[in-house]
């Protein structure tokens, strides 16, 4: 028996996925800028 409603759990997963996507995008942009500076 879960005390946490499923909707809240799904919302948590969606939020975590969004944060991960944002971090990956920031890393990709930063990597591109660094490569452009050195090459």
C-alpha atoms as a PDB file:
ATOM      1  CA  UNK A   1       0.000   0.000   0.000  1.00  0.00           C
ATOM      2  CA  UNK A   2       1.473   3.326  -1.044  1.00  0.00           C
ATOM      3  CA  UNK A   3       0.742   6.483   0.871  1.00  0.00           C
ATOM      4  CA  UNK A   4       2.025   8.704  -1.927  1.00  0.00           C
ATOM      5  CA  UNK A   5      -0.468   9.252  -4.746  1.00  0.00           C
ATOM      6  CA  UNK A   6       0.668   8.081  -8.173  1.00  0.00           C
ATOM      7  CA  UNK A   7       0.170  11.498  -9.732  1.00  0.00           C
ATOM      8  CA  UNK A   8       2.725  13.086  -7.385  1.00  0.00           C
ATOM      9  CA  UNK A   9       5.193  10.299  -8.152  1.00  0.00           C
ATOM     10  CA  UNK A  10       4.770  10.792 -11.907  1.00  0.00           C
ATOM     11  CA  UNK A  11       5.191  14.548 -11.479  1.00  0.00           C
ATOM     12  CA  UNK A  12       8.441  13.946  -9.581  1.00  0.00           C
ATOM     13  CA  UNK A  13       9.785  11.728 -12.376  1.00  0.00           C
ATOM     14  CA  UNK A  14       8.818  14.265 -15.040  1.00  0.00           C
ATOM     15  CA  UNK A  15      10.519  17.063 -13.094  1.00  0.00           C
ATOM     16  CA  UNK A  16      13.696  15.001 -12.665  1.00  0.00           C
ATOM     17  CA  UNK A  17      13.709  14.166 -16.386  1.00  0.00           C
ATOM     18  CA  UNK A  18      13.351  17.867 -17.228  1.00  0.00           C
ATOM     19  CA  UNK A  19      16.253  18.798 -14.950  1.00  0.00           C
ATOM     20  CA  UNK A  20      18.437  16.103 -16.535  1.00  0.00           C
ATOM     21  CA  UNK A  21      17.579  17.381 -20.036  1.00  0.00           C
ATOM     22  CA  UNK A  22      18.439  20.951 -19.017  1.00  0.00           C
ATOM     23  CA  UNK A  23      21.807  19.863 -17.568  1.00  0.00           C
ATOM     24  CA  UNK A  24      22.640  17.867 -20.719  1.00  0.00           C
ATOM     25  CA  UNK A  25      21.780  20.864 -22.903  1.00  0.00           C
ATOM     26  CA  UNK A  26      23.939  23.186 -20.793  1.00  0.00           C
ATOM     27  CA  UNK A  27      26.858  20.742 -20.969  1.00  0.00           C
ATOM     28  CA  UNK A  28      26.471  20.429 -24.758  1.00  0.00           C
ATOM     29  CA  UNK A  29      26.436  24.213 -25.240  1.00  0.00           C
ATOM     30  CA  UNK A  30      29.430  24.668 -22.931  1.00  0.00           C
ATOM     31  CA  UNK A  31      31.332  21.906 -24.752  1.00  0.00           C
ATOM     32  CA  UNK A  32      30.616  23.545 -28.120  1.00  0.00           C
ATOM     33  CA  UNK A  33      31.850  26.917 -26.833  1.00  0.00           C
ATOM     34  CA  UNK A  34      35.062  25.371 -25.461  1.00  0.00           C
ATOM     35  CA  UNK A  35      35.717  23.538 -28.730  1.00  0.00           C
ATOM     36  CA  UNK A  36      35.135  26.771 -30.658  1.00  0.00           C
ATOM     37  CA  UNK A  37      37.620  28.622 -28.423  1.00  0.00           C
ATOM     38  CA  UNK A  38      40.397  26.059 -28.861  1.00  0.00           C
ATOM     39  CA  UNK A  39      39.876  25.136 -32.528  1.00  0.00           C
END
